[in-house]
N, C-alpha and C. Protein backbone atom coordinates (compact mmCIF):
# COMPACT_ATOMS: atom_id res chain seq x y z
N MET A 1 13.04 7.72 -10.86
CA MET A 1 13.50 6.69 -9.95
C MET A 1 12.39 5.64 -9.84
N SER A 2 12.74 4.39 -10.00
CA SER A 2 11.75 3.31 -9.94
C SER A 2 11.34 3.04 -8.49
N MET A 3 10.25 2.32 -8.34
CA MET A 3 9.74 1.98 -7.00
C MET A 3 10.77 1.16 -6.23
N THR A 4 11.45 0.23 -6.90
CA THR A 4 12.47 -0.58 -6.25
C THR A 4 13.61 0.29 -5.74
N GLN A 5 14.04 1.25 -6.56
CA GLN A 5 15.11 2.16 -6.13
C GLN A 5 14.66 3.00 -4.94
N GLN A 6 13.41 3.43 -4.94
CA GLN A 6 12.91 4.23 -3.82
C GLN A 6 12.88 3.42 -2.54
N ILE A 7 12.44 2.19 -2.62
CA ILE A 7 12.38 1.33 -1.44
C ILE A 7 13.79 1.05 -0.92
N LEU A 8 14.71 0.76 -1.82
CA LEU A 8 16.10 0.50 -1.40
C LEU A 8 16.74 1.76 -0.83
N THR A 9 16.43 2.93 -1.39
CA THR A 9 16.94 4.18 -0.86
C THR A 9 16.41 4.41 0.55
N ALA A 10 15.11 4.18 0.74
CA ALA A 10 14.51 4.34 2.07
C ALA A 10 15.15 3.38 3.07
N LEU A 11 15.37 2.14 2.66
CA LEU A 11 16.00 1.15 3.53
C LEU A 11 17.43 1.57 3.89
N ALA A 12 18.16 2.06 2.90
CA ALA A 12 19.54 2.50 3.15
C ALA A 12 19.56 3.68 4.13
N LEU A 13 18.66 4.63 3.95
CA LEU A 13 18.60 5.78 4.87
C LEU A 13 18.23 5.33 6.28
N TYR A 14 17.29 4.40 6.37
CA TYR A 14 16.91 3.85 7.68
C TYR A 14 18.12 3.21 8.36
N MET A 15 18.88 2.43 7.61
CA MET A 15 20.05 1.77 8.17
C MET A 15 21.11 2.77 8.62
N ILE A 16 21.29 3.84 7.85
CA ILE A 16 22.26 4.88 8.21
C ILE A 16 21.85 5.55 9.51
N ILE A 17 20.57 5.92 9.60
CA ILE A 17 20.09 6.61 10.80
C ILE A 17 20.15 5.69 12.01
N GLU A 18 19.73 4.44 11.85
CA GLU A 18 19.78 3.49 12.96
C GLU A 18 21.22 3.23 13.40
N GLY A 19 22.15 3.23 12.49
CA GLY A 19 23.55 3.00 12.83
C GLY A 19 24.20 4.19 13.51
N MET A 20 23.68 5.39 13.24
CA MET A 20 24.24 6.59 13.84
C MET A 20 24.04 6.62 15.35
N ILE A 21 22.90 6.11 15.81
CA ILE A 21 22.57 6.19 17.24
C ILE A 21 23.61 5.47 18.10
N PRO A 22 23.90 4.17 17.86
CA PRO A 22 24.92 3.54 18.70
C PRO A 22 26.34 4.05 18.41
N PHE A 23 26.57 4.56 17.20
CA PHE A 23 27.90 5.07 16.87
C PHE A 23 28.19 6.36 17.65
N ILE A 24 27.21 7.26 17.68
CA ILE A 24 27.41 8.56 18.32
C ILE A 24 27.35 8.45 19.84
N GLY A 25 26.39 7.67 20.35
CA GLY A 25 26.22 7.57 21.80
C GLY A 25 26.01 6.15 22.25
N PRO A 26 27.08 5.35 22.30
CA PRO A 26 26.90 3.94 22.67
C PRO A 26 26.31 3.75 24.07
N GLY A 27 26.67 4.59 25.01
CA GLY A 27 26.12 4.47 26.37
C GLY A 27 24.63 4.78 26.39
N PHE A 28 24.25 5.84 25.70
CA PHE A 28 22.84 6.21 25.58
C PHE A 28 22.04 5.09 24.93
N PHE A 29 22.59 4.54 23.87
CA PHE A 29 21.94 3.45 23.15
C PHE A 29 21.76 2.24 24.06
N ARG A 30 22.81 1.86 24.77
CA ARG A 30 22.77 0.69 25.64
C ARG A 30 21.73 0.86 26.75
N ARG A 31 21.71 2.04 27.38
CA ARG A 31 20.73 2.29 28.44
C ARG A 31 19.30 2.18 27.91
N ASN A 32 19.06 2.72 26.73
CA ASN A 32 17.72 2.69 26.18
C ASN A 32 17.30 1.29 25.72
N VAL A 33 18.24 0.49 25.24
CA VAL A 33 17.92 -0.89 24.88
C VAL A 33 17.53 -1.67 26.14
N VAL A 34 18.23 -1.43 27.23
CA VAL A 34 17.90 -2.10 28.49
C VAL A 34 16.51 -1.67 28.94
N ARG A 35 16.20 -0.39 28.84
CA ARG A 35 14.87 0.11 29.23
C ARG A 35 13.79 -0.50 28.35
N LEU A 36 14.04 -0.59 27.04
CA LEU A 36 13.06 -1.19 26.14
C LEU A 36 12.83 -2.65 26.46
N ALA A 37 13.89 -3.36 26.83
CA ALA A 37 13.77 -4.78 27.15
C ALA A 37 12.92 -5.01 28.40
N GLN A 38 12.81 -4.01 29.26
CA GLN A 38 12.03 -4.14 30.48
C GLN A 38 10.55 -3.83 30.29
N LEU A 39 10.16 -3.28 29.14
CA LEU A 39 8.76 -2.98 28.88
C LEU A 39 7.99 -4.26 28.60
N ASP A 40 6.72 -4.28 29.01
CA ASP A 40 5.91 -5.44 28.65
C ASP A 40 5.46 -5.30 27.19
N ASP A 41 4.87 -6.35 26.65
CA ASP A 41 4.52 -6.38 25.23
C ASP A 41 3.59 -5.24 24.82
N ASN A 42 2.59 -4.96 25.63
CA ASN A 42 1.64 -3.90 25.27
C ASN A 42 2.31 -2.53 25.25
N GLN A 43 3.19 -2.25 26.20
CA GLN A 43 3.90 -0.98 26.21
C GLN A 43 4.80 -0.86 24.98
N LEU A 44 5.44 -1.95 24.63
CA LEU A 44 6.32 -1.95 23.46
C LEU A 44 5.51 -1.74 22.18
N ARG A 45 4.33 -2.33 22.12
CA ARG A 45 3.45 -2.12 20.96
C ARG A 45 3.04 -0.65 20.84
N VAL A 46 2.74 -0.02 21.97
CA VAL A 46 2.36 1.40 21.96
C VAL A 46 3.52 2.24 21.46
N VAL A 47 4.73 1.95 21.91
CA VAL A 47 5.91 2.68 21.43
C VAL A 47 6.06 2.49 19.92
N GLY A 48 5.93 1.25 19.46
CA GLY A 48 6.03 0.97 18.02
C GLY A 48 4.96 1.70 17.23
N LEU A 49 3.73 1.71 17.74
CA LEU A 49 2.64 2.41 17.06
C LEU A 49 2.91 3.91 16.98
N MET A 50 3.41 4.49 18.06
CA MET A 50 3.72 5.92 18.07
C MET A 50 4.81 6.25 17.05
N VAL A 51 5.83 5.42 16.97
CA VAL A 51 6.90 5.64 16.01
C VAL A 51 6.36 5.54 14.58
N MET A 52 5.52 4.52 14.33
CA MET A 52 4.94 4.37 12.99
C MET A 52 4.07 5.56 12.63
N LEU A 53 3.21 6.01 13.55
CA LEU A 53 2.34 7.15 13.26
C LEU A 53 3.13 8.43 13.03
N THR A 54 4.21 8.58 13.78
CA THR A 54 5.08 9.74 13.57
C THR A 54 5.69 9.68 12.17
N GLY A 55 6.13 8.50 11.76
CA GLY A 55 6.69 8.34 10.42
C GLY A 55 5.67 8.61 9.33
N VAL A 56 4.45 8.12 9.52
CA VAL A 56 3.39 8.38 8.54
C VAL A 56 3.10 9.87 8.46
N GLY A 57 3.02 10.53 9.60
CA GLY A 57 2.78 11.97 9.61
C GLY A 57 3.90 12.74 8.92
N LEU A 58 5.12 12.34 9.18
CA LEU A 58 6.26 13.00 8.54
C LEU A 58 6.24 12.78 7.03
N LEU A 59 5.94 11.57 6.61
CA LEU A 59 5.83 11.29 5.16
C LEU A 59 4.73 12.14 4.53
N TYR A 60 3.61 12.26 5.23
CA TYR A 60 2.51 13.07 4.71
C TYR A 60 2.97 14.52 4.52
N LEU A 61 3.65 15.07 5.53
CA LEU A 61 4.11 16.46 5.43
C LEU A 61 5.14 16.64 4.31
N ILE A 62 6.01 15.67 4.16
CA ILE A 62 7.03 15.76 3.10
C ILE A 62 6.39 15.70 1.72
N ARG A 63 5.36 14.88 1.57
CA ARG A 63 4.73 14.66 0.27
C ARG A 63 3.69 15.71 -0.11
N LEU A 64 3.42 16.68 0.77
CA LEU A 64 2.43 17.74 0.44
C LEU A 64 2.82 18.51 -0.78
């Protein structure tokens, strides 16, 4: 599988997972979007950093 195919596969999987959240629980999704919108920039950055670090850790474990 080429690098382009891997990147597109990762993007497609990301889109599927992101789409599942509002599809399965629209009320849950809506409440959490409202809560995220109320965070200040620094809090939102911390959340983003935690999500990224979790993803990096998961990738590391998968690639062992």
